[in-house]
Amino acid sequence: MRRLRTRLGWFGFGLSLFTLALCLSACSSGSSREAAHAATVRVTERDFRITVSPARVHSGSVRLLIHNRGPDTHELLIVRSSSANLPLRSDGLTVNEAALDGATAATMEGRGPGTVEELLVHLKPGRYELFCNMAGHYLGGMRTELVVS
């Protein structure tokens, strides 16, 4: 009886691992399928400039390929906004991210020069501001627009 329980225990364990692997494979194939059909936008960050290509995409899944060409660390925030100017913090140098909480579509923490990051986001139609919020970068012109139709 003890040997039967042990065998059933290993069988149950193996079955659990198989089920988990099957679920993970189904989940990842859904996101990889979504990424395969996503529009690709190339984002280049340089000191005090961000460029996007193309500048217009259709709504839905959008794959951002973000390349930091330095020479400093840069971050990227993607905010849905109808205003040309975003609200600043009291320091006058950075955007007040708390005031944008509901409008923030995605963020990428600071990355060093030469890095390339991929970000998959789901965007609704509208105007999006992409910017770096390191001290003085937004005010220095490190922002651009992405239009989603």
N, C-alpha and C. Protein backbone atom coordinates (compact mmCIF):
# COMPACT_ATOMS: atom_id res chain seq x y z
N MET A 1 0.82 -1.19 0.00
CA MET A 1 0.00 0.00 0.00
C MET A 1 0.87 1.26 0.00
N ARG A 2 1.93 1.25 0.79
CA ARG A 2 2.82 2.40 0.88
C ARG A 2 3.49 2.68 -0.47
N ARG A 3 3.92 1.62 -1.16
CA ARG A 3 4.56 1.76 -2.46
C ARG A 3 3.59 2.34 -3.48
N LEU A 4 2.32 1.96 -3.41
CA LEU A 4 1.29 2.47 -4.31
C LEU A 4 1.09 3.97 -4.09
N ARG A 5 1.04 4.38 -2.83
CA ARG A 5 0.90 5.81 -2.52
C ARG A 5 2.09 6.61 -3.04
N THR A 6 3.28 6.07 -2.90
CA THR A 6 4.47 6.75 -3.38
C THR A 6 4.42 6.91 -4.89
N ARG A 7 4.04 5.83 -5.59
CA ARG A 7 3.95 5.91 -7.05
C ARG A 7 2.88 6.90 -7.48
N LEU A 8 1.74 6.87 -6.80
CA LEU A 8 0.67 7.81 -7.12
C LEU A 8 1.10 9.24 -6.81
N GLY A 9 1.88 9.38 -5.74
CA GLY A 9 2.38 10.71 -5.39
C GLY A 9 3.27 11.27 -6.49
N TRP A 10 4.20 10.45 -6.99
CA TRP A 10 5.08 10.89 -8.08
C TRP A 10 4.28 11.12 -9.35
N PHE A 11 3.28 10.27 -9.60
CA PHE A 11 2.43 10.45 -10.78
C PHE A 11 1.68 11.78 -10.68
N GLY A 12 1.12 12.06 -9.50
CA GLY A 12 0.40 13.31 -9.28
C GLY A 12 1.31 14.51 -9.43
N PHE A 13 2.53 14.38 -8.90
CA PHE A 13 3.51 15.46 -9.03
C PHE A 13 3.86 15.71 -10.50
N GLY A 14 4.11 14.63 -11.23
CA GLY A 14 4.42 14.74 -12.66
C GLY A 14 3.26 15.33 -13.44
N LEU A 15 2.04 14.91 -13.09
CA LEU A 15 0.86 15.44 -13.76
C LEU A 15 0.71 16.93 -13.47
N SER A 16 0.99 17.34 -12.25
CA SER A 16 0.92 18.76 -11.88
C SER A 16 1.94 19.58 -12.68
N LEU A 17 3.16 19.06 -12.79
CA LEU A 17 4.19 19.77 -13.57
C LEU A 17 3.79 19.88 -15.03
N PHE A 18 3.23 18.80 -15.58
CA PHE A 18 2.79 18.81 -16.97
C PHE A 18 1.69 19.85 -17.17
N THR A 19 0.73 19.89 -16.25
CA THR A 19 -0.37 20.85 -16.34
C THR A 19 0.16 22.28 -16.25
N LEU A 20 1.08 22.52 -15.35
CA LEU A 20 1.67 23.85 -15.20
C LEU A 20 2.41 24.26 -16.48
N ALA A 21 3.19 23.36 -17.04
CA ALA A 21 3.92 23.66 -18.28
C ALA A 21 2.96 23.95 -19.42
N LEU A 22 1.87 23.19 -19.48
CA LEU A 22 0.87 23.41 -20.53
C LEU A 22 0.23 24.78 -20.38
N CYS A 23 -0.11 25.17 -19.15
CA CYS A 23 -0.71 26.49 -18.90
C CYS A 23 0.27 27.60 -19.25
N LEU A 24 1.52 27.48 -18.83
CA LEU A 24 2.51 28.50 -19.14
C LEU A 24 2.73 28.62 -20.64
N SER A 25 2.73 27.49 -21.33
CA SER A 25 2.92 27.52 -22.78
C SER A 25 1.74 28.20 -23.46
N ALA A 26 0.54 27.96 -22.99
CA ALA A 26 -0.65 28.60 -23.57
C ALA A 26 -0.63 30.09 -23.31
N CYS A 27 -0.24 30.47 -22.08
CA CYS A 27 -0.18 31.90 -21.75
C CYS A 27 0.87 32.61 -22.58
N SER A 28 2.06 32.02 -22.69
CA SER A 28 3.12 32.70 -23.43
C SER A 28 2.83 32.73 -24.92
N SER A 29 2.17 31.70 -25.46
CA SER A 29 1.88 31.74 -26.89
C SER A 29 0.86 32.81 -27.19
N GLY A 30 -0.04 33.10 -26.24
CA GLY A 30 -1.01 34.18 -26.44
C GLY A 30 -0.30 35.51 -26.50
N SER A 31 0.65 35.75 -25.57
CA SER A 31 1.34 37.03 -25.57
C SER A 31 2.31 37.12 -26.73
N SER A 32 2.94 36.01 -27.13
CA SER A 32 3.83 36.07 -28.28
C SER A 32 3.03 36.25 -29.55
N ARG A 33 1.83 35.68 -29.60
CA ARG A 33 0.94 35.89 -30.75
C ARG A 33 0.54 37.36 -30.82
N GLU A 34 0.26 37.95 -29.65
CA GLU A 34 -0.10 39.37 -29.57
C GLU A 34 1.08 40.23 -30.02
N ALA A 35 2.28 39.88 -29.59
CA ALA A 35 3.48 40.63 -29.96
C ALA A 35 3.75 40.51 -31.46
N ALA A 36 3.46 39.34 -32.04
CA ALA A 36 3.69 39.14 -33.47
C ALA A 36 2.79 40.04 -34.32
N HIS A 37 1.59 40.33 -33.84
CA HIS A 37 0.65 41.16 -34.58
C HIS A 37 0.72 42.64 -34.18
N ALA A 38 1.57 42.96 -33.24
CA ALA A 38 1.66 44.34 -32.75
C ALA A 38 2.43 45.22 -33.73
N ALA A 39 2.00 46.47 -33.83
CA ALA A 39 2.75 47.45 -34.61
C ALA A 39 4.06 47.72 -33.87
N THR A 40 5.13 47.90 -34.58
CA THR A 40 6.43 48.18 -33.96
C THR A 40 6.77 49.65 -34.11
N VAL A 41 7.10 50.27 -33.00
CA VAL A 41 7.53 51.67 -32.99
C VAL A 41 8.95 51.71 -32.45
N ARG A 42 9.84 52.29 -33.22
CA ARG A 42 11.23 52.44 -32.78
C ARG A 42 11.38 53.77 -32.05
N VAL A 43 11.87 53.68 -30.82
CA VAL A 43 12.05 54.87 -29.98
C VAL A 43 13.55 55.02 -29.73
N THR A 44 14.07 56.19 -30.07
CA THR A 44 15.48 56.46 -29.83
C THR A 44 15.60 57.61 -28.84
N GLU A 45 16.35 57.35 -27.76
CA GLU A 45 16.59 58.38 -26.75
C GLU A 45 18.05 58.82 -26.83
N ARG A 46 18.22 60.13 -26.92
CA ARG A 46 19.54 60.77 -26.85
C ARG A 46 19.39 61.91 -25.86
N ASP A 47 20.48 62.47 -25.43
CA ASP A 47 20.34 63.59 -24.51
C ASP A 47 19.49 64.68 -25.13
N PHE A 48 18.41 64.95 -24.46
CA PHE A 48 17.47 66.03 -24.76
C PHE A 48 16.74 65.87 -26.09
N ARG A 49 16.58 64.60 -26.52
CA ARG A 49 15.78 64.36 -27.72
C ARG A 49 15.28 62.92 -27.71
N ILE A 50 14.01 62.75 -28.08
CA ILE A 50 13.42 61.43 -28.30
C ILE A 50 12.80 61.45 -29.68
N THR A 51 13.05 60.39 -30.45
CA THR A 51 12.40 60.26 -31.74
C THR A 51 11.65 58.95 -31.79
N VAL A 52 10.52 58.95 -32.50
CA VAL A 52 9.73 57.74 -32.71
C VAL A 52 9.50 57.55 -34.20
N SER A 53 9.48 56.31 -34.62
CA SER A 53 9.20 56.00 -36.02
C SER A 53 8.47 54.67 -36.08
N PRO A 54 7.26 54.68 -36.59
CA PRO A 54 6.48 55.79 -37.10
C PRO A 54 5.87 56.59 -35.95
N ALA A 55 5.38 57.78 -36.25
CA ALA A 55 4.79 58.65 -35.24
C ALA A 55 3.28 58.44 -35.12
N ARG A 56 2.70 57.59 -35.99
CA ARG A 56 1.28 57.27 -35.95
C ARG A 56 1.11 55.76 -36.08
N VAL A 57 0.26 55.18 -35.21
CA VAL A 57 -0.05 53.75 -35.27
C VAL A 57 -1.53 53.55 -35.01
N HIS A 58 -2.00 52.35 -35.31
CA HIS A 58 -3.38 52.00 -35.01
C HIS A 58 -3.48 51.52 -33.56
N SER A 59 -4.67 51.66 -32.98
CA SER A 59 -4.86 51.25 -31.59
C SER A 59 -4.69 49.74 -31.46
N GLY A 60 -4.44 49.32 -30.24
CA GLY A 60 -4.23 47.91 -29.95
C GLY A 60 -2.84 47.69 -29.40
N SER A 61 -2.31 46.52 -29.64
CA SER A 61 -0.97 46.18 -29.15
C SER A 61 0.09 46.91 -29.95
N VAL A 62 1.01 47.53 -29.23
CA VAL A 62 2.11 48.26 -29.84
C VAL A 62 3.39 47.80 -29.17
N ARG A 63 4.35 47.42 -29.99
CA ARG A 63 5.66 46.97 -29.49
C ARG A 63 6.64 48.13 -29.64
N LEU A 64 7.15 48.61 -28.52
CA LEU A 64 8.12 49.70 -28.53
C LEU A 64 9.52 49.12 -28.40
N LEU A 65 10.39 49.44 -29.34
CA LEU A 65 11.80 49.07 -29.25
C LEU A 65 12.55 50.35 -28.86
N ILE A 66 13.01 50.40 -27.63
CA ILE A 66 13.58 51.61 -27.06
C ILE A 66 15.09 51.48 -26.99
N HIS A 67 15.79 52.37 -27.70
CA HIS A 67 17.24 52.35 -27.74
C HIS A 67 17.79 53.62 -27.10
N ASN A 68 18.55 53.46 -26.04
CA ASN A 68 19.19 54.60 -25.38
C ASN A 68 20.55 54.82 -26.03
N ARG A 69 20.67 55.87 -26.79
CA ARG A 69 21.94 56.19 -27.45
C ARG A 69 22.77 57.16 -26.60
N GLY A 70 22.33 57.37 -25.33
CA GLY A 70 23.11 58.07 -24.33
C GLY A 70 23.42 59.52 -24.63
N PRO A 71 24.42 60.03 -24.00
CA PRO A 71 25.41 59.37 -23.17
C PRO A 71 24.98 59.17 -21.72
N ASP A 72 23.77 59.60 -21.35
CA ASP A 72 23.30 59.45 -19.97
C ASP A 72 22.25 58.36 -19.85
N THR A 73 21.92 58.04 -18.61
CA THR A 73 20.80 57.14 -18.32
C THR A 73 19.51 57.87 -18.66
N HIS A 74 18.57 57.14 -19.27
CA HIS A 74 17.27 57.71 -19.60
C HIS A 74 16.18 56.72 -19.22
N GLU A 75 15.04 57.28 -18.87
CA GLU A 75 13.85 56.48 -18.62
C GLU A 75 12.82 56.86 -19.67
N LEU A 76 11.69 56.15 -19.71
CA LEU A 76 10.65 56.50 -20.67
C LEU A 76 9.29 56.34 -20.01
N LEU A 77 8.50 57.38 -20.09
CA LEU A 77 7.12 57.33 -19.61
C LEU A 77 6.22 57.59 -20.81
N ILE A 78 5.12 56.86 -20.88
CA ILE A 78 4.15 57.00 -21.97
C ILE A 78 2.83 57.37 -21.33
N VAL A 79 2.37 58.60 -21.64
CA VAL A 79 1.20 59.16 -20.98
C VAL A 79 0.20 59.62 -22.03
N ARG A 80 -1.05 59.22 -21.87
CA ARG A 80 -2.10 59.70 -22.75
C ARG A 80 -2.46 61.11 -22.31
N SER A 81 -2.34 62.06 -23.23
CA SER A 81 -2.54 63.46 -22.86
C SER A 81 -3.04 64.26 -24.04
N SER A 82 -3.96 65.16 -23.77
CA SER A 82 -4.44 66.06 -24.82
C SER A 82 -3.74 67.41 -24.73
N SER A 83 -2.96 67.60 -23.68
CA SER A 83 -2.28 68.88 -23.45
C SER A 83 -0.85 68.82 -23.99
N ALA A 84 -0.38 69.94 -24.49
CA ALA A 84 0.99 70.01 -24.99
C ALA A 84 2.01 70.05 -23.85
N ASN A 85 1.60 70.57 -22.69
CA ASN A 85 2.50 70.66 -21.54
C ASN A 85 1.96 69.85 -20.38
N LEU A 86 2.81 69.01 -19.82
CA LEU A 86 2.42 68.19 -18.68
C LEU A 86 2.70 68.96 -17.39
N PRO A 87 1.97 68.64 -16.30
CA PRO A 87 2.17 69.37 -15.04
C PRO A 87 3.54 69.07 -14.42
N LEU A 88 4.19 70.11 -13.93
CA LEU A 88 5.50 69.96 -13.30
C LEU A 88 5.38 69.84 -11.78
N ARG A 89 6.37 69.20 -11.17
CA ARG A 89 6.47 69.16 -9.71
C ARG A 89 6.92 70.53 -9.22
N SER A 90 6.93 70.68 -7.92
CA SER A 90 7.34 71.96 -7.34
C SER A 90 8.81 72.28 -7.61
N ASP A 91 9.62 71.25 -7.94
CA ASP A 91 11.03 71.51 -8.26
C ASP A 91 11.20 72.25 -9.59
N GLY A 92 10.13 72.24 -10.41
CA GLY A 92 10.17 72.92 -11.71
C GLY A 92 11.03 72.23 -12.75
N LEU A 93 11.58 71.05 -12.42
CA LEU A 93 12.48 70.35 -13.33
C LEU A 93 11.92 69.03 -13.86
N THR A 94 10.94 68.47 -13.15
CA THR A 94 10.42 67.16 -13.54
C THR A 94 8.89 67.18 -13.59
N VAL A 95 8.34 66.25 -14.36
CA VAL A 95 6.89 66.13 -14.50
C VAL A 95 6.32 65.49 -13.23
N ASN A 96 5.17 65.97 -12.81
CA ASN A 96 4.48 65.43 -11.63
C ASN A 96 3.79 64.14 -12.04
N GLU A 97 4.47 63.02 -11.85
CA GLU A 97 3.94 61.71 -12.27
C GLU A 97 2.68 61.33 -11.50
N ALA A 98 2.56 61.76 -10.26
CA ALA A 98 1.37 61.44 -9.46
C ALA A 98 0.12 62.07 -10.07
N ALA A 99 0.27 63.24 -10.66
CA ALA A 99 -0.87 63.92 -11.29
C ALA A 99 -1.30 63.22 -12.58
N LEU A 100 -0.45 62.34 -13.10
CA LEU A 100 -0.73 61.65 -14.36
C LEU A 100 -1.13 60.19 -14.15
N ASP A 101 -1.30 59.79 -12.91
CA ASP A 101 -1.50 58.38 -12.58
C ASP A 101 -2.49 57.64 -13.48
N GLY A 102 -3.67 58.15 -13.67
CA GLY A 102 -4.67 57.47 -14.49
C GLY A 102 -4.37 57.50 -15.97
N ALA A 103 -3.51 58.40 -16.41
CA ALA A 103 -3.22 58.56 -17.83
C ALA A 103 -1.94 57.84 -18.26
N THR A 104 -1.18 57.30 -17.31
CA THR A 104 0.08 56.64 -17.65
C THR A 104 -0.19 55.27 -18.25
N ALA A 105 0.26 55.09 -19.49
CA ALA A 105 0.06 53.82 -20.20
C ALA A 105 1.18 52.83 -19.89
N ALA A 106 2.41 53.32 -19.72
CA ALA A 106 3.54 52.43 -19.44
C ALA A 106 4.73 53.26 -18.98
N THR A 107 5.65 52.60 -18.30
CA THR A 107 6.89 53.24 -17.87
C THR A 107 8.04 52.26 -18.04
N MET A 108 9.20 52.81 -18.28
CA MET A 108 10.43 52.03 -18.31
C MET A 108 11.41 52.76 -17.40
N GLU A 109 11.88 52.07 -16.40
CA GLU A 109 12.84 52.67 -15.47
C GLU A 109 14.12 53.04 -16.21
N GLY A 110 14.94 53.85 -15.59
CA GLY A 110 16.17 54.32 -16.21
C GLY A 110 17.06 53.20 -16.70
N ARG A 111 17.57 53.38 -17.90
CA ARG A 111 18.49 52.41 -18.51
C ARG A 111 19.72 53.15 -18.99
N GLY A 112 20.85 52.50 -18.90
CA GLY A 112 22.11 53.11 -19.28
C GLY A 112 22.31 53.23 -20.77
N PRO A 113 23.30 54.02 -21.17
CA PRO A 113 23.61 54.21 -22.59
C PRO A 113 23.90 52.87 -23.28
N GLY A 114 23.43 52.77 -24.51
CA GLY A 114 23.68 51.56 -25.31
C GLY A 114 22.67 50.45 -25.10
N THR A 115 21.76 50.60 -24.15
CA THR A 115 20.80 49.53 -23.90
C THR A 115 19.64 49.60 -24.88
N VAL A 116 19.04 48.43 -25.13
CA VAL A 116 17.85 48.33 -25.95
C VAL A 116 16.81 47.57 -25.14
N GLU A 117 15.63 48.11 -25.07
CA GLU A 117 14.56 47.52 -24.27
C GLU A 117 13.34 47.35 -25.16
N GLU A 118 12.59 46.29 -24.93
CA GLU A 118 11.34 46.07 -25.66
C GLU A 118 10.18 46.17 -24.68
N LEU A 119 9.16 46.89 -25.07
CA LEU A 119 8.00 47.10 -24.21
C LEU A 119 6.75 46.87 -25.03
N LEU A 120 5.88 45.97 -24.60
CA LEU A 120 4.62 45.70 -25.29
C LEU A 120 3.51 46.38 -24.51
N VAL A 121 2.79 47.29 -25.17
CA VAL A 121 1.72 48.05 -24.51
C VAL A 121 0.46 47.97 -25.35
N HIS A 122 -0.67 48.13 -24.68
CA HIS A 122 -1.96 48.20 -25.38
C HIS A 122 -2.41 49.65 -25.32
N LEU A 123 -2.55 50.28 -26.47
CA LEU A 123 -2.89 51.70 -26.52
C LEU A 123 -4.26 51.91 -27.16
N LYS A 124 -5.05 52.76 -26.52
CA LYS A 124 -6.34 53.18 -27.06
C LYS A 124 -6.11 54.38 -27.97
N PRO A 125 -7.07 54.70 -28.83
CA PRO A 125 -6.89 55.89 -29.68
C PRO A 125 -6.67 57.14 -28.83
N GLY A 126 -5.80 58.01 -29.32
CA GLY A 126 -5.51 59.26 -28.62
C GLY A 126 -4.10 59.73 -28.90
N ARG A 127 -3.71 60.78 -28.20
CA ARG A 127 -2.39 61.36 -28.32
C ARG A 127 -1.58 60.96 -27.08
N TYR A 128 -0.39 60.47 -27.30
CA TYR A 128 0.46 60.04 -26.19
C TYR A 128 1.76 60.84 -26.19
N GLU A 129 2.15 61.25 -25.01
CA GLU A 129 3.42 61.95 -24.82
C GLU A 129 4.42 60.92 -24.31
N LEU A 130 5.56 60.79 -24.97
CA LEU A 130 6.65 59.93 -24.53
C LEU A 130 7.75 60.86 -24.06
N PHE A 131 8.24 60.65 -22.84
CA PHE A 131 9.25 61.57 -22.31
C PHE A 131 10.14 60.89 -21.28
N CYS A 132 11.29 61.52 -21.08
CA CYS A 132 12.22 61.11 -20.03
C CYS A 132 12.01 62.10 -18.88
N ASN A 133 11.87 61.58 -17.67
CA ASN A 133 11.61 62.45 -16.53
C ASN A 133 12.81 62.59 -15.59
N MET A 134 14.01 62.31 -16.10
CA MET A 134 15.20 62.58 -15.31
C MET A 134 15.30 64.10 -15.16
N ALA A 135 15.89 64.58 -14.10
CA ALA A 135 15.91 66.02 -13.80
C ALA A 135 16.35 66.86 -14.99
N GLY A 136 15.44 67.72 -15.44
CA GLY A 136 15.72 68.65 -16.52
C GLY A 136 15.55 68.11 -17.93
N HIS A 137 15.41 66.80 -18.09
CA HIS A 137 15.34 66.22 -19.43
C HIS A 137 14.05 66.60 -20.17
N TYR A 138 12.91 66.53 -19.48
CA TYR A 138 11.63 66.90 -20.12
C TYR A 138 11.68 68.36 -20.57
N LEU A 139 12.11 69.24 -19.69
CA LEU A 139 12.20 70.67 -20.02
C LEU A 139 13.24 70.94 -21.11
N GLY A 140 14.26 70.10 -21.16
CA GLY A 140 15.31 70.25 -22.17
C GLY A 140 14.89 69.76 -23.55
N GLY A 141 13.66 69.25 -23.66
CA GLY A 141 13.15 68.82 -24.95
C GLY A 141 13.10 67.32 -25.17
N MET A 142 13.33 66.55 -24.11
CA MET A 142 13.33 65.10 -24.25
C MET A 142 11.90 64.57 -24.13
N ARG A 143 11.14 64.84 -25.18
CA ARG A 143 9.74 64.42 -25.25
C ARG A 143 9.33 64.39 -26.72
N THR A 144 8.35 63.57 -27.00
CA THR A 144 7.81 63.49 -28.35
C THR A 144 6.37 62.97 -28.28
N GLU A 145 5.73 62.98 -29.43
CA GLU A 145 4.32 62.60 -29.49
C GLU A 145 4.14 61.34 -30.33
N LEU A 146 3.23 60.50 -29.89
CA LEU A 146 2.79 59.32 -30.65
C LEU A 146 1.29 59.42 -30.77
N VAL A 147 0.79 59.37 -31.99
CA VAL A 147 -0.65 59.46 -32.22
C VAL A 147 -1.18 58.07 -32.53
N VAL A 148 -2.24 57.68 -31.81
CA VAL A 148 -2.84 56.37 -31.98
C VAL A 148 -4.26 56.58 -32.51
N SER A 149 -4.55 55.96 -33.65
CA SER A 149 -5.88 56.12 -34.24
C SER A 149 -6.68 54.83 -34.18
